[in-house]
C-alpha atoms as a PDB file:
ATOM      1  CA  MET A   1      -3.912   3.536 -18.582  1.00  0.00           C
ATOM      2  CA  ALA A   2      -5.490   0.414 -17.376  1.00  0.00           C
ATOM      3  CA  LYS A   3      -7.199   0.216 -13.895  1.00  0.00           C
ATOM      4  CA  PHE A   4      -5.288  -1.901 -11.497  1.00  0.00           C
ATOM      5  CA  LYS A   5      -6.626  -4.715  -9.332  1.00  0.00           C
ATOM      6  CA  LEU A   6      -5.824  -4.536  -5.621  1.00  0.00           C
ATOM      7  CA  GLU A   7      -4.986  -7.604  -3.595  1.00  0.00           C
ATOM      8  CA  LEU A   8      -4.039  -7.548   0.263  1.00  0.00           C
ATOM      9  CA  SER A   9      -1.579  -9.848   1.605  1.00  0.00           C
ATOM     10  CA  SER A  10      -2.669 -11.818   4.903  1.00  0.00           C
ATOM     11  CA  LYS A  11      -0.935  -9.532   7.120  1.00  0.00           C
ATOM     12  CA  ALA A  12      -2.548  -6.576   5.590  1.00  0.00           C
ATOM     13  CA  ARG A  13      -5.931  -8.050   5.526  1.00  0.00           C
ATOM     14  CA  LYS A  14      -5.723  -8.810   9.205  1.00  0.00           C
ATOM     15  CA  PHE A  15      -4.704  -5.168   9.897  1.00  0.00           C
ATOM     16  CA  TYR A  16      -7.484  -3.914   7.803  1.00  0.00           C
ATOM     17  CA  ILE A  17     -10.186  -6.006   9.619  1.00  0.00           C
ATOM     18  CA  SER A  18      -9.038  -5.108  12.891  1.00  0.00           C
ATOM     19  CA  CYS A  19      -8.362  -1.183  12.393  1.00  0.00           C
ATOM     20  CA  PRO A  20     -10.782   1.600  13.551  1.00  0.00           C
ATOM     21  CA  LYS A  21     -13.609   2.849  11.413  1.00  0.00           C
ATOM     22  CA  GLY A  22     -11.923   6.325  10.696  1.00  0.00           C
ATOM     23  CA  LEU A  23      -8.788   4.415   9.308  1.00  0.00           C
ATOM     24  CA  VAL A  24     -10.816   2.194   7.231  1.00  0.00           C
ATOM     25  CA  GLN A  25     -12.403   4.973   5.441  1.00  0.00           C
ATOM     26  CA  ARG A  26      -9.039   6.593   4.911  1.00  0.00           C
ATOM     27  CA  LEU A  27      -7.653   3.211   3.743  1.00  0.00           C
ATOM     28  CA  ASP A  28     -10.438   2.833   1.349  1.00  0.00           C
ATOM     29  CA  HIS A  29      -9.669   6.112  -0.275  1.00  0.00           C
ATOM     30  CA  CYS A  30      -6.017   5.266  -0.511  1.00  0.00           C
ATOM     31  CA  PHE A  31      -7.111   1.916  -2.333  1.00  0.00           C
ATOM     32  CA  GLU A  32      -9.106   3.880  -4.806  1.00  0.00           C
ATOM     33  CA  GLN A  33      -6.324   6.134  -5.722  1.00  0.00           C
ATOM     34  CA  LEU A  34      -3.881   3.097  -5.887  1.00  0.00           C
ATOM     35  CA  GLU A  35      -6.185   1.298  -8.317  1.00  0.00           C
ATOM     36  CA  MET A  36      -6.110   4.329 -10.624  1.00  0.00           C
ATOM     37  CA  ASP A  37      -2.422   5.175 -10.507  1.00  0.00           C
ATOM     38  CA  PRO A  38      -0.058   3.441  -8.095  1.00  0.00           C
ATOM     39  CA  TYR A  39       3.245   5.366  -9.330  1.00  0.00           C
ATOM     40  CA  TYR A  40       2.483   8.911  -8.717  1.00  0.00           C
ATOM     41  CA  GLY A  41       0.833  10.959  -6.085  1.00  0.00           C
ATOM     42  CA  PRO A  42       1.510  13.360  -3.158  1.00  0.00           C
ATOM     43  CA  ASN A  43       1.640  10.576  -0.680  1.00  0.00           C
ATOM     44  CA  ILE A  44       3.509   7.822  -2.854  1.00  0.00           C
ATOM     45  CA  LYS A  45       7.140   7.328  -2.758  1.00  0.00           C
ATOM     46  CA  ARG A  46       9.283   4.442  -4.034  1.00  0.00           C
ATOM     47  CA  LEU A  47      11.246   2.727  -1.413  1.00  0.00           C
ATOM     48  CA  LYS A  48      15.082   2.168  -1.658  1.00  0.00           C
ATOM     49  CA  THR A  49      15.331  -0.850   0.362  1.00  0.00           C
ATOM     50  CA  ARG A  50      16.448  -3.547  -2.127  1.00  0.00           C
ATOM     51  CA  PRO A  51      17.271  -2.587  -5.772  1.00  0.00           C
ATOM     52  CA  GLN A  52      15.494  -5.798  -7.141  1.00  0.00           C
ATOM     53  CA  ASP A  53      12.325  -5.047  -5.280  1.00  0.00           C
ATOM     54  CA  PHE A  54       9.864  -2.427  -6.638  1.00  0.00           C
ATOM     55  CA  LEU A  55       8.123  -1.367  -3.200  1.00  0.00           C
ATOM     56  CA  TYR A  56       6.310   1.810  -2.852  1.00  0.00           C
ATOM     57  CA  ARG A  57       4.675   3.267   0.173  1.00  0.00           C
ATOM     58  CA  TYR A  58       1.608   5.293   0.561  1.00  0.00           C
ATOM     59  CA  ARG A  59       1.468   7.685   3.754  1.00  0.00           C
ATOM     60  CA  ILE A  60      -1.764   8.031   5.466  1.00  0.00           C
ATOM     61  CA  GLY A  61      -1.113  10.297   8.543  1.00  0.00           C
ATOM     62  CA  GLU A  62       0.944   8.251  11.008  1.00  0.00           C
ATOM     63  CA  TYR A  63       0.332   4.874   9.188  1.00  0.00           C
ATOM     64  CA  ARG A  64       1.991   3.495   6.017  1.00  0.00           C
ATOM     65  CA  VAL A  65       0.686   1.215   3.203  1.00  0.00           C
ATOM     66  CA  ILE A  66       3.588  -0.588   1.688  1.00  0.00           C
ATOM     67  CA  TYR A  67       2.717  -2.295  -1.703  1.00  0.00           C
ATOM     68  CA  GLU A  68       4.198  -3.768  -4.739  1.00  0.00           C
ATOM     69  CA  VAL A  69       3.001  -3.194  -8.421  1.00  0.00           C
ATOM     70  CA  LEU A  70       3.080  -6.337 -10.371  1.00  0.00           C
ATOM     71  CA  LYS A  71       2.843  -4.824 -14.010  1.00  0.00           C
ATOM     72  CA  LYS A  72       2.234  -7.815 -15.988  1.00  0.00           C
ATOM     73  CA  GLU A  73      -0.658  -8.953 -13.990  1.00  0.00           C
ATOM     74  CA  ILE A  74      -1.790  -5.260 -13.585  1.00  0.00           C
ATOM     75  CA  ILE A  75      -2.031  -5.943  -9.789  1.00  0.00           C
ATOM     76  CA  VAL A  76      -1.180  -3.692  -6.784  1.00  0.00           C
ATOM     77  CA  LEU A  77      -0.177  -6.132  -3.975  1.00  0.00           C
ATOM     78  CA  ILE A  78      -0.605  -4.489  -0.496  1.00  0.00           C
ATOM     79  CA  VAL A  79       2.224  -6.115   1.436  1.00  0.00           C
ATOM     80  CA  LYS A  80       1.904  -4.389   4.734  1.00  0.00           C
ATOM     81  CA  ILE A  81      -0.323  -1.946   6.446  1.00  0.00           C
ATOM     82  CA  ALA A  82       1.256  -0.511   9.789  1.00  0.00           C
ATOM     83  CA  ALA A  83       2.207   2.461  12.067  1.00  0.00           C
ATOM     84  CA  ARG A  84       5.089   4.457  10.922  1.00  0.00           C
ATOM     85  CA  GLY A  85       7.573   3.126  13.424  1.00  0.00           C
ATOM     86  CA  ASP A  86       6.724  -0.578  12.554  1.00  0.00           C
ATOM     87  CA  ALA A  87       6.085  -0.275   8.736  1.00  0.00           C
ATOM     88  CA  TYR A  88       9.583  -0.571   7.460  1.00  0.00           C
ATOM     89  CA  LYS A  89      10.627  -3.515   9.785  1.00  0.00           C
ATOM     90  CA  SER A  90      10.853  -6.688   8.211  1.00  0.00           C
ATOM     91  CA  ILE A  91       9.876  -5.915   4.539  1.00  0.00           C
END
């Protein structure tokens, strides 16, 4: 399987830049795993929001990374990084 390229949306990038150092390390580990295989893992689950969207979530404690896999471009697009209570609003 080819290694995926990771891209962050503007909202996700803004959150990543402003979050605490401990969370940055956990997010970096998450990003490494998503580059290798964004479909399977103990913290990965496909969201059932809208059937036409192929959104997934990666759980990091109380935080969620919401992402979309673009198969043709071999890209994992990080749509949103947020606390669990806010993660699923407006996606």
